[in-house]
Amino acid sequence: MSQENVEIVRRYFDAVKRGLDAYWDNPRSVADAMSTDDLTPAQREVLGFTDVDVEWRNAFGLIFKGQLDFAKGVDQLLEATNDFWIEVQEVTDLQDERVLAVVESAMKGKDSEIEVSQTVFSLMTLRGGLIVRAEEYLHREEALEAVGLRE
């Protein structure tokens, strides 16, 4: 199951990248699209990797619970930027249904035009082939400590 979880997380982030490309071609709220059952294929694909009760704690410490709240969190992030992209650097099985994804991200602030890049360490918990929890950390040590591991 652990290699399967690694592949699911890889496919999830590939879907996120496609979703970001589609978003910049036609910016629209994911939460609004969910509410009207008018998701784009890219939005539907990304959400298809998550459990309906998914919990996401982003690198800023904000917590979003459930797919609709998850979508609202994505909207907040994208509405604050003129550009946002990600590139997965590595995906590692941590056992116990958890996977660590190291993701390089970059964005340009909508109002400030300031460009920021950051490596994010995403600790993903999967059950039944779906992501049930995603926790983002700015340091690998914090992510590993969260699961009782140390480098």
C-alpha atoms as a PDB file:
ATOM      1  CA  MET A   1       0.000   0.000   0.000  1.00  0.00           C
ATOM      2  CA  SER A   2       2.836   2.446   0.735  1.00  0.00           C
ATOM      3  CA  GLN A   3       4.114   2.582  -2.867  1.00  0.00           C
ATOM      4  CA  GLU A   4       0.516   3.029  -3.982  1.00  0.00           C
ATOM      5  CA  ASN A   5       0.183   6.030  -1.636  1.00  0.00           C
ATOM      6  CA  VAL A   6       3.371   7.541  -3.069  1.00  0.00           C
ATOM      7  CA  GLU A   7       1.903   7.233  -6.567  1.00  0.00           C
ATOM      8  CA  ILE A   8      -1.422   8.740  -5.461  1.00  0.00           C
ATOM      9  CA  VAL A   9       0.377  11.758  -3.995  1.00  0.00           C
ATOM     10  CA  ARG A  10       2.448  12.155  -7.172  1.00  0.00           C
ATOM     11  CA  ARG A  11      -0.714  12.017  -9.304  1.00  0.00           C
ATOM     12  CA  TYR A  12      -2.439  14.476  -6.956  1.00  0.00           C
ATOM     13  CA  PHE A  13       0.326  17.059  -7.375  1.00  0.00           C
ATOM     14  CA  ASP A  14       0.373  16.475 -11.139  1.00  0.00           C
ATOM     15  CA  ALA A  15      -3.365  17.227 -11.112  1.00  0.00           C
ATOM     16  CA  VAL A  16      -2.746  20.351  -9.004  1.00  0.00           C
ATOM     17  CA  LYS A  17      -0.215  21.561 -11.583  1.00  0.00           C
ATOM     18  CA  ARG A  18      -2.749  21.012 -14.393  1.00  0.00           C
ATOM     19  CA  GLY A  19      -5.382  22.742 -12.272  1.00  0.00           C
ATOM     20  CA  LEU A  20      -3.135  25.765 -11.781  1.00  0.00           C
ATOM     21  CA  ASP A  21      -2.470  25.982 -15.524  1.00  0.00           C
ATOM     22  CA  ALA A  22      -6.219  25.855 -16.208  1.00  0.00           C
ATOM     23  CA  TYR A  23      -6.899  28.434 -13.497  1.00  0.00           C
ATOM     24  CA  TRP A  24      -4.526  31.003 -14.988  1.00  0.00           C
ATOM     25  CA  ASP A  25      -6.173  30.509 -18.391  1.00  0.00           C
ATOM     26  CA  ASN A  26      -9.613  31.161 -16.868  1.00  0.00           C
ATOM     27  CA  PRO A  27      -9.547  32.308 -13.205  1.00  0.00           C
ATOM     28  CA  ARG A  28     -12.655  31.214 -11.355  1.00  0.00           C
ATOM     29  CA  SER A  29     -13.486  30.271  -7.803  1.00  0.00           C
ATOM     30  CA  VAL A  30     -13.251  26.584  -6.965  1.00  0.00           C
ATOM     31  CA  ALA A  31     -15.676  27.026  -4.046  1.00  0.00           C
ATOM     32  CA  ASP A  32     -18.248  28.764  -6.258  1.00  0.00           C
ATOM     33  CA  ALA A  33     -17.888  26.042  -8.883  1.00  0.00           C
ATOM     34  CA  MET A  34     -18.453  23.390  -6.181  1.00  0.00           C
ATOM     35  CA  SER A  35     -21.545  25.184  -4.900  1.00  0.00           C
ATOM     36  CA  THR A  36     -23.094  25.298  -8.373  1.00  0.00           C
ATOM     37  CA  ASP A  37     -21.840  21.845  -9.394  1.00  0.00           C
ATOM     38  CA  ASP A  38     -19.923  23.460 -12.251  1.00  0.00           C
ATOM     39  CA  LEU A  39     -16.371  22.258 -11.598  1.00  0.00           C
ATOM     40  CA  THR A  40     -13.914  22.254 -14.466  1.00  0.00           C
ATOM     41  CA  PRO A  41     -12.389  18.864 -15.302  1.00  0.00           C
ATOM     42  CA  ALA A  42      -9.119  20.011 -13.664  1.00  0.00           C
ATOM     43  CA  GLN A  43     -10.883  21.097 -10.455  1.00  0.00           C
ATOM     44  CA  ARG A  44     -12.846  17.835 -10.350  1.00  0.00           C
ATOM     45  CA  GLU A  45      -9.648  15.834 -10.832  1.00  0.00           C
ATOM     46  CA  VAL A  46      -7.849  17.532  -7.921  1.00  0.00           C
ATOM     47  CA  LEU A  47     -10.823  17.122  -5.575  1.00  0.00           C
ATOM     48  CA  GLY A  48     -11.121  13.483  -6.665  1.00  0.00           C
ATOM     49  CA  PHE A  49      -7.884  12.741  -4.798  1.00  0.00           C
ATOM     50  CA  THR A  50      -9.283  14.083  -1.510  1.00  0.00           C
ATOM     51  CA  ASP A  51     -11.716  12.646   0.991  1.00  0.00           C
ATOM     52  CA  VAL A  52     -14.920  14.694   1.462  1.00  0.00           C
ATOM     53  CA  ASP A  53     -13.738  15.412   5.025  1.00  0.00           C
ATOM     54  CA  VAL A  54     -10.161  16.314   4.029  1.00  0.00           C
ATOM     55  CA  GLU A  55      -8.288  18.565   6.438  1.00  0.00           C
ATOM     56  CA  TRP A  56      -5.600  20.926   5.145  1.00  0.00           C
ATOM     57  CA  ARG A  57      -3.258  22.902   7.388  1.00  0.00           C
ATOM     58  CA  ASN A  58      -1.299  25.185   5.120  1.00  0.00           C
ATOM     59  CA  ALA A  59       2.181  26.547   5.716  1.00  0.00           C
ATOM     60  CA  PHE A  60       0.666  29.730   7.192  1.00  0.00           C
ATOM     61  CA  GLY A  61      -1.056  27.695   9.927  1.00  0.00           C
ATOM     62  CA  LEU A  62      -4.585  28.124   8.550  1.00  0.00           C
ATOM     63  CA  ILE A  63      -6.793  25.039   8.778  1.00  0.00           C
ATOM     64  CA  PHE A  64      -9.470  24.110   6.254  1.00  0.00           C
ATOM     65  CA  LYS A  65     -11.841  21.191   6.930  1.00  0.00           C
ATOM     66  CA  GLY A  66     -13.884  19.447   4.268  1.00  0.00           C
ATOM     67  CA  GLN A  67     -13.686  19.764   0.504  1.00  0.00           C
ATOM     68  CA  LEU A  68     -15.652  23.029   0.309  1.00  0.00           C
ATOM     69  CA  ASP A  69     -13.466  24.678   2.962  1.00  0.00           C
ATOM     70  CA  PHE A  70     -10.397  23.231   1.196  1.00  0.00           C
ATOM     71  CA  ALA A  71     -11.626  24.900  -2.018  1.00  0.00           C
ATOM     72  CA  LYS A  72     -12.105  28.204  -0.168  1.00  0.00           C
ATOM     73  CA  GLY A  73      -8.503  27.991   1.051  1.00  0.00           C
ATOM     74  CA  VAL A  74      -7.279  27.412  -2.492  1.00  0.00           C
ATOM     75  CA  ASP A  75      -9.366  30.389  -3.654  1.00  0.00           C
ATOM     76  CA  GLN A  76      -7.823  32.626  -0.958  1.00  0.00           C
ATOM     77  CA  LEU A  77      -4.331  31.677  -2.056  1.00  0.00           C
ATOM     78  CA  LEU A  78      -4.985  32.165  -5.758  1.00  0.00           C
ATOM     79  CA  GLU A  79      -6.909  35.416  -5.312  1.00  0.00           C
ATOM     80  CA  ALA A  80      -3.857  36.916  -3.567  1.00  0.00           C
ATOM     81  CA  THR A  81      -1.503  36.105  -6.450  1.00  0.00           C
ATOM     82  CA  ASN A  82      -0.938  36.930 -10.092  1.00  0.00           C
ATOM     83  CA  ASP A  83       0.895  33.679 -10.612  1.00  0.00           C
ATOM     84  CA  PHE A  84       1.440  30.519  -8.587  1.00  0.00           C
ATOM     85  CA  TRP A  85       3.212  27.332  -9.569  1.00  0.00           C
ATOM     86  CA  ILE A  86       4.556  24.199  -7.938  1.00  0.00           C
ATOM     87  CA  GLU A  87       7.149  21.568  -8.739  1.00  0.00           C
ATOM     88  CA  VAL A  88       7.412  18.307  -6.779  1.00  0.00           C
ATOM     89  CA  GLN A  89      11.001  17.551  -5.802  1.00  0.00           C
ATOM     90  CA  GLU A  90      10.493  14.237  -4.003  1.00  0.00           C
ATOM     91  CA  VAL A  91       7.824  11.979  -2.554  1.00  0.00           C
ATOM     92  CA  THR A  92       8.754   9.606   0.280  1.00  0.00           C
ATOM     93  CA  ASP A  93       6.745   6.895   2.003  1.00  0.00           C
ATOM     94  CA  LEU A  94       6.759   7.341   5.793  1.00  0.00           C
ATOM     95  CA  GLN A  95       4.668   4.232   6.572  1.00  0.00           C
ATOM     96  CA  ASP A  96       1.419   4.324   8.553  1.00  0.00           C
ATOM     97  CA  GLU A  97      -0.506   5.762   5.563  1.00  0.00           C
ATOM     98  CA  ARG A  98       1.704   8.880   5.489  1.00  0.00           C
ATOM     99  CA  VAL A  99       3.751  10.333   2.674  1.00  0.00           C
ATOM    100  CA  LEU A 100       6.105  13.312   2.659  1.00  0.00           C
ATOM    101  CA  ALA A 101       6.110  15.429  -0.490  1.00  0.00           C
ATOM    102  CA  VAL A 102       8.775  18.089  -0.944  1.00  0.00           C
ATOM    103  CA  VAL A 103       7.267  20.784  -3.145  1.00  0.00           C
ATOM    104  CA  GLU A 104       8.924  23.894  -4.529  1.00  0.00           C
ATOM    105  CA  SER A 105       6.386  26.681  -4.910  1.00  0.00           C
ATOM    106  CA  ALA A 106       6.586  30.193  -6.271  1.00  0.00           C
ATOM    107  CA  MET A 107       4.103  33.015  -6.465  1.00  0.00           C
ATOM    108  CA  LYS A 108       3.826  36.667  -7.358  1.00  0.00           C
ATOM    109  CA  GLY A 109       1.724  38.879  -5.092  1.00  0.00           C
ATOM    110  CA  LYS A 110      -1.291  40.421  -6.793  1.00  0.00           C
ATOM    111  CA  ASP A 111      -0.934  43.899  -5.330  1.00  0.00           C
ATOM    112  CA  SER A 112       2.762  43.983  -4.479  1.00  0.00           C
ATOM    113  CA  GLU A 113       4.122  42.112  -7.530  1.00  0.00           C
ATOM    114  CA  ILE A 114       6.693  40.678  -5.103  1.00  0.00           C
ATOM    115  CA  GLU A 115       7.892  37.225  -6.135  1.00  0.00           C
ATOM    116  CA  VAL A 116       8.309  34.626  -3.411  1.00  0.00           C
ATOM    117  CA  SER A 117       9.555  31.061  -3.664  1.00  0.00           C
ATOM    118  CA  GLN A 118       9.522  28.505  -0.887  1.00  0.00           C
ATOM    119  CA  THR A 119      10.071  24.813  -0.412  1.00  0.00           C
ATOM    120  CA  VAL A 120       7.113  23.293   1.397  1.00  0.00           C
ATOM    121  CA  PHE A 121       7.161  19.915   3.115  1.00  0.00           C
ATOM    122  CA  SER A 122       3.677  18.429   2.745  1.00  0.00           C
ATOM    123  CA  LEU A 123       2.850  15.616   5.119  1.00  0.00           C
ATOM    124  CA  MET A 124      -0.023  13.718   3.503  1.00  0.00           C
ATOM    125  CA  THR A 125      -2.158  11.104   5.266  1.00  0.00           C
ATOM    126  CA  LEU A 126      -4.117   8.717   3.058  1.00  0.00           C
ATOM    127  CA  ARG A 127      -6.887   6.238   3.744  1.00  0.00           C
ATOM    128  CA  GLY A 128      -8.620   4.105   1.185  1.00  0.00           C
ATOM    129  CA  GLY A 129      -6.645   5.738  -1.615  1.00  0.00           C
ATOM    130  CA  LEU A 130      -7.730   9.285  -0.714  1.00  0.00           C
ATOM    131  CA  ILE A 131      -5.937  12.171   0.974  1.00  0.00           C
ATOM    132  CA  VAL A 132      -7.599  12.725   4.349  1.00  0.00           C
ATOM    133  CA  ARG A 133      -5.097  15.189   5.774  1.00  0.00           C
ATOM    134  CA  ALA A 134      -2.446  17.514   4.369  1.00  0.00           C
ATOM    135  CA  GLU A 135      -0.115  19.394   6.701  1.00  0.00           C
ATOM    136  CA  GLU A 136       2.412  21.839   5.305  1.00  0.00           C
ATOM    137  CA  TYR A 137       5.684  22.702   7.009  1.00  0.00           C
ATOM    138  CA  LEU A 138       8.471  25.074   6.034  1.00  0.00           C
ATOM    139  CA  HIS A 139      11.198  22.761   7.371  1.00  0.00           C
ATOM    140  CA  ARG A 140      11.722  19.043   6.804  1.00  0.00           C
ATOM    141  CA  GLU A 141      12.620  18.538  10.477  1.00  0.00           C
ATOM    142  CA  GLU A 142       9.218  19.904  11.573  1.00  0.00           C
ATOM    143  CA  ALA A 143       7.377  17.579   9.199  1.00  0.00           C
ATOM    144  CA  LEU A 144       9.323  14.538  10.353  1.00  0.00           C
ATOM    145  CA  GLU A 145       8.947  15.477  14.000  1.00  0.00           C
ATOM    146  CA  ALA A 146       5.170  15.708  13.482  1.00  0.00           C
ATOM    147  CA  VAL A 147       5.147  11.974  12.710  1.00  0.00           C
ATOM    148  CA  GLY A 148       7.658  11.040  15.402  1.00  0.00           C
ATOM    149  CA  LEU A 149      10.643  10.767  13.081  1.00  0.00           C
ATOM    150  CA  ARG A 150      13.929  12.623  13.042  1.00  0.00           C
ATOM    151  CA  GLU A 151      16.480  12.892  10.268  1.00  0.00           C
END
